Amino acid sequence: MNNIMVFAAQFFTPENLYLNWFTAVLLFFIGVYCVAGSRNMLRTLVGIEISSKGCMLALLASGFALGNVDMAQALIILMIGVEVVVVAVGLGLIIRSYNQKGNLDILDLKNLKG
């Protein structure tokens, strides 16, 4: 546990704040590109997860910059819990769609009737 704190102290320094923000924004936009640029449901779910990780990094970096790391960590734990639910529901929908349609194309879901 002490090694993690040493790494965090080296990574989240005021000099590296711009690098942390750049990495967070880069991760977020890579995830948005995955969501917007793919018709595959699995790639879309992975894109949502990548965007979420970018948001978590931005939240942690801003919490460190403001000196409120405890609040940032609590919010990140809450986000991880929400992510678990999103992934479970998303994978359930993907499996059900693949069993019915035989592929993972999002445009095939347009014909679903409630």
C-alpha atoms as a PDB file:
ATOM      1  CA  MET A   1       0.000   0.000   0.000  1.00  0.00           C
ATOM      2  CA  ASN A   2       2.894   2.325   0.714  1.00  0.00           C
ATOM      3  CA  ASN A   3       4.235   1.850  -2.834  1.00  0.00           C
ATOM      4  CA  ILE A   4       0.925   3.061  -4.274  1.00  0.00           C
ATOM      5  CA  MET A   5       1.083   6.223  -2.189  1.00  0.00           C
ATOM      6  CA  VAL A   6       4.651   6.884  -3.331  1.00  0.00           C
ATOM      7  CA  PHE A   7       3.609   6.459  -6.964  1.00  0.00           C
ATOM      8  CA  ALA A   8       0.603   8.735  -6.488  1.00  0.00           C
ATOM      9  CA  ALA A   9       2.763  11.371  -4.834  1.00  0.00           C
ATOM     10  CA  GLN A  10       5.129  11.303  -7.821  1.00  0.00           C
ATOM     11  CA  PHE A  11       2.388  11.274 -10.445  1.00  0.00           C
ATOM     12  CA  PHE A  12       0.034  13.886  -8.988  1.00  0.00           C
ATOM     13  CA  THR A  13       2.385  16.821  -8.526  1.00  0.00           C
ATOM     14  CA  PRO A  14       1.589  20.420  -9.436  1.00  0.00           C
ATOM     15  CA  GLU A  15       4.096  20.186 -12.293  1.00  0.00           C
ATOM     16  CA  ASN A  16       2.263  17.185 -13.756  1.00  0.00           C
ATOM     17  CA  LEU A  17      -1.215  18.701 -13.418  1.00  0.00           C
ATOM     18  CA  TYR A  18      -1.382  19.665 -17.100  1.00  0.00           C
ATOM     19  CA  LEU A  19      -0.185  16.212 -18.103  1.00  0.00           C
ATOM     20  CA  ASN A  20      -2.885  14.630 -15.949  1.00  0.00           C
ATOM     21  CA  TRP A  21      -5.571  16.847 -17.476  1.00  0.00           C
ATOM     22  CA  PHE A  22      -4.280  16.171 -20.990  1.00  0.00           C
ATOM     23  CA  THR A  23      -4.377  12.425 -20.353  1.00  0.00           C
ATOM     24  CA  ALA A  24      -7.892  12.645 -18.924  1.00  0.00           C
ATOM     25  CA  VAL A  25      -9.185  14.656 -21.885  1.00  0.00           C
ATOM     26  CA  LEU A  26      -7.428  12.332 -24.315  1.00  0.00           C
ATOM     27  CA  LEU A  27      -9.013   9.266 -22.712  1.00  0.00           C
ATOM     28  CA  PHE A  28     -12.419  10.924 -22.738  1.00  0.00           C
ATOM     29  CA  PHE A  29     -12.259  11.790 -26.430  1.00  0.00           C
ATOM     30  CA  ILE A  30     -10.897   8.363 -27.385  1.00  0.00           C
ATOM     31  CA  GLY A  31     -13.962   6.906 -25.684  1.00  0.00           C
ATOM     32  CA  VAL A  32     -16.275   9.353 -27.458  1.00  0.00           C
ATOM     33  CA  TYR A  33     -14.671   8.396 -30.771  1.00  0.00           C
ATOM     34  CA  CYS A  34     -15.268   4.714 -30.001  1.00  0.00           C
ATOM     35  CA  VAL A  35     -18.928   5.412 -29.236  1.00  0.00           C
ATOM     36  CA  ALA A  36     -19.542   7.668 -32.235  1.00  0.00           C
ATOM     37  CA  GLY A  37     -17.427   5.837 -34.774  1.00  0.00           C
ATOM     38  CA  SER A  38     -18.561   2.271 -34.342  1.00  0.00           C
ATOM     39  CA  ARG A  39     -21.788   0.388 -34.964  1.00  0.00           C
ATOM     40  CA  ASN A  40     -20.654  -2.594 -32.900  1.00  0.00           C
ATOM     41  CA  MET A  41     -22.362  -2.722 -29.490  1.00  0.00           C
ATOM     42  CA  LEU A  42     -19.340  -4.182 -27.724  1.00  0.00           C
ATOM     43  CA  ARG A  43     -17.031  -1.446 -29.014  1.00  0.00           C
ATOM     44  CA  THR A  44     -19.597   1.124 -27.930  1.00  0.00           C
ATOM     45  CA  LEU A  45     -19.625  -0.309 -24.407  1.00  0.00           C
ATOM     46  CA  VAL A  46     -15.816  -0.261 -24.303  1.00  0.00           C
ATOM     47  CA  GLY A  47     -15.892   3.371 -25.491  1.00  0.00           C
ATOM     48  CA  ILE A  48     -18.237   4.289 -22.653  1.00  0.00           C
ATOM     49  CA  GLU A  49     -15.845   2.650 -20.199  1.00  0.00           C
ATOM     50  CA  ILE A  50     -12.825   4.495 -21.626  1.00  0.00           C
ATOM     51  CA  SER A  51     -14.670   7.814 -21.354  1.00  0.00           C
ATOM     52  CA  SER A  52     -15.572   6.998 -17.776  1.00  0.00           C
ATOM     53  CA  LYS A  53     -11.939   6.281 -16.921  1.00  0.00           C
ATOM     54  CA  GLY A  54     -10.982   9.672 -18.358  1.00  0.00           C
ATOM     55  CA  CYS A  55     -13.599  11.330 -16.156  1.00  0.00           C
ATOM     56  CA  MET A  56     -12.257   9.489 -13.138  1.00  0.00           C
ATOM     57  CA  LEU A  57      -8.715  10.637 -13.846  1.00  0.00           C
ATOM     58  CA  ALA A  58      -9.896  14.233 -14.256  1.00  0.00           C
ATOM     59  CA  LEU A  59     -11.809  14.026 -10.994  1.00  0.00           C
ATOM     60  CA  LEU A  60      -8.808  12.635  -9.148  1.00  0.00           C
ATOM     61  CA  ALA A  61      -6.457  15.241 -10.627  1.00  0.00           C
ATOM     62  CA  SER A  62      -8.800  18.095  -9.706  1.00  0.00           C
ATOM     63  CA  GLY A  63      -9.283  16.666  -6.216  1.00  0.00           C
ATOM     64  CA  PHE A  64      -5.526  16.582  -5.741  1.00  0.00           C
ATOM     65  CA  ALA A  65      -5.111  20.097  -7.126  1.00  0.00           C
ATOM     66  CA  LEU A  66      -7.755  21.457  -4.755  1.00  0.00           C
ATOM     67  CA  GLY A  67      -6.427  19.475  -1.807  1.00  0.00           C
ATOM     68  CA  ASN A  68      -9.598  17.410  -1.406  1.00  0.00           C
ATOM     69  CA  VAL A  69      -8.456  13.943  -2.418  1.00  0.00           C
ATOM     70  CA  ASP A  70     -10.782  12.173   0.019  1.00  0.00           C
ATOM     71  CA  MET A  71     -13.897  13.572  -1.652  1.00  0.00           C
ATOM     72  CA  ALA A  72     -12.533  12.709  -5.118  1.00  0.00           C
ATOM     73  CA  GLN A  73     -11.802   9.141  -4.031  1.00  0.00           C
ATOM     74  CA  ALA A  74     -15.309   8.768  -2.588  1.00  0.00           C
ATOM     75  CA  LEU A  75     -16.854   9.991  -5.852  1.00  0.00           C
ATOM     76  CA  ILE A  76     -14.650   7.645  -7.877  1.00  0.00           C
ATOM     77  CA  ILE A  77     -15.747   4.670  -5.765  1.00  0.00           C
ATOM     78  CA  LEU A  78     -19.357   5.683  -6.429  1.00  0.00           C
ATOM     79  CA  MET A  79     -18.607   5.946 -10.164  1.00  0.00           C
ATOM     80  CA  ILE A  80     -17.069   2.471 -10.145  1.00  0.00           C
ATOM     81  CA  GLY A  81     -20.244   1.091  -8.592  1.00  0.00           C
ATOM     82  CA  VAL A  82     -22.366   2.750 -11.265  1.00  0.00           C
ATOM     83  CA  GLU A  83     -20.013   1.427 -13.959  1.00  0.00           C
ATOM     84  CA  VAL A  84     -20.482  -2.131 -12.735  1.00  0.00           C
ATOM     85  CA  VAL A  85     -24.234  -1.798 -13.177  1.00  0.00           C
ATOM     86  CA  VAL A  86     -23.867  -0.219 -16.625  1.00  0.00           C
ATOM     87  CA  VAL A  87     -21.517  -2.972 -17.800  1.00  0.00           C
ATOM     88  CA  ALA A  88     -23.746  -5.736 -16.426  1.00  0.00           C
ATOM     89  CA  VAL A  89     -26.871  -4.353 -18.107  1.00  0.00           C
ATOM     90  CA  GLY A  90     -24.988  -3.582 -21.325  1.00  0.00           C
ATOM     91  CA  LEU A  91     -23.473  -7.038 -21.566  1.00  0.00           C
ATOM     92  CA  GLY A  92     -26.861  -8.582 -20.873  1.00  0.00           C
ATOM     93  CA  LEU A  93     -28.377  -6.602 -23.733  1.00  0.00           C
ATOM     94  CA  ILE A  94     -25.470  -7.490 -26.009  1.00  0.00           C
ATOM     95  CA  ILE A  95     -25.818 -11.220 -25.288  1.00  0.00           C
ATOM     96  CA  ARG A  96     -29.595 -11.103 -25.794  1.00  0.00           C
ATOM     97  CA  SER A  97     -29.253  -9.180 -29.054  1.00  0.00           C
ATOM     98  CA  TYR A  98     -26.577 -11.558 -30.355  1.00  0.00           C
ATOM     99  CA  ASN A  99     -28.745 -14.583 -29.543  1.00  0.00           C
ATOM    100  CA  GLN A 100     -31.730 -13.088 -31.385  1.00  0.00           C
ATOM    101  CA  LYS A 101     -30.090 -11.354 -34.358  1.00  0.00           C
ATOM    102  CA  GLY A 102     -26.774 -13.159 -34.756  1.00  0.00           C
ATOM    103  CA  ASN A 103     -24.697  -9.982 -34.910  1.00  0.00           C
ATOM    104  CA  LEU A 104     -23.860  -6.947 -32.776  1.00  0.00           C
ATOM    105  CA  ASP A 105     -24.879  -4.168 -35.160  1.00  0.00           C
ATOM    106  CA  ILE A 106     -26.647  -1.269 -33.455  1.00  0.00           C
ATOM    107  CA  LEU A 107     -28.770  -0.513 -36.503  1.00  0.00           C
ATOM    108  CA  ASP A 108     -30.453  -3.922 -36.160  1.00  0.00           C
ATOM    109  CA  LEU A 109     -31.940  -2.740 -32.889  1.00  0.00           C
ATOM    110  CA  LYS A 110     -33.975  -0.130 -34.733  1.00  0.00           C
ATOM    111  CA  ASN A 111     -36.602  -2.734 -35.630  1.00  0.00           C
ATOM    112  CA  LEU A 112     -37.310  -3.753 -32.034  1.00  0.00           C
ATOM    113  CA  LYS A 113     -40.893  -3.276 -30.936  1.00  0.00           C
ATOM    114  CA  GLY A 114     -41.927  -2.961 -27.284  1.00  0.00           C
END
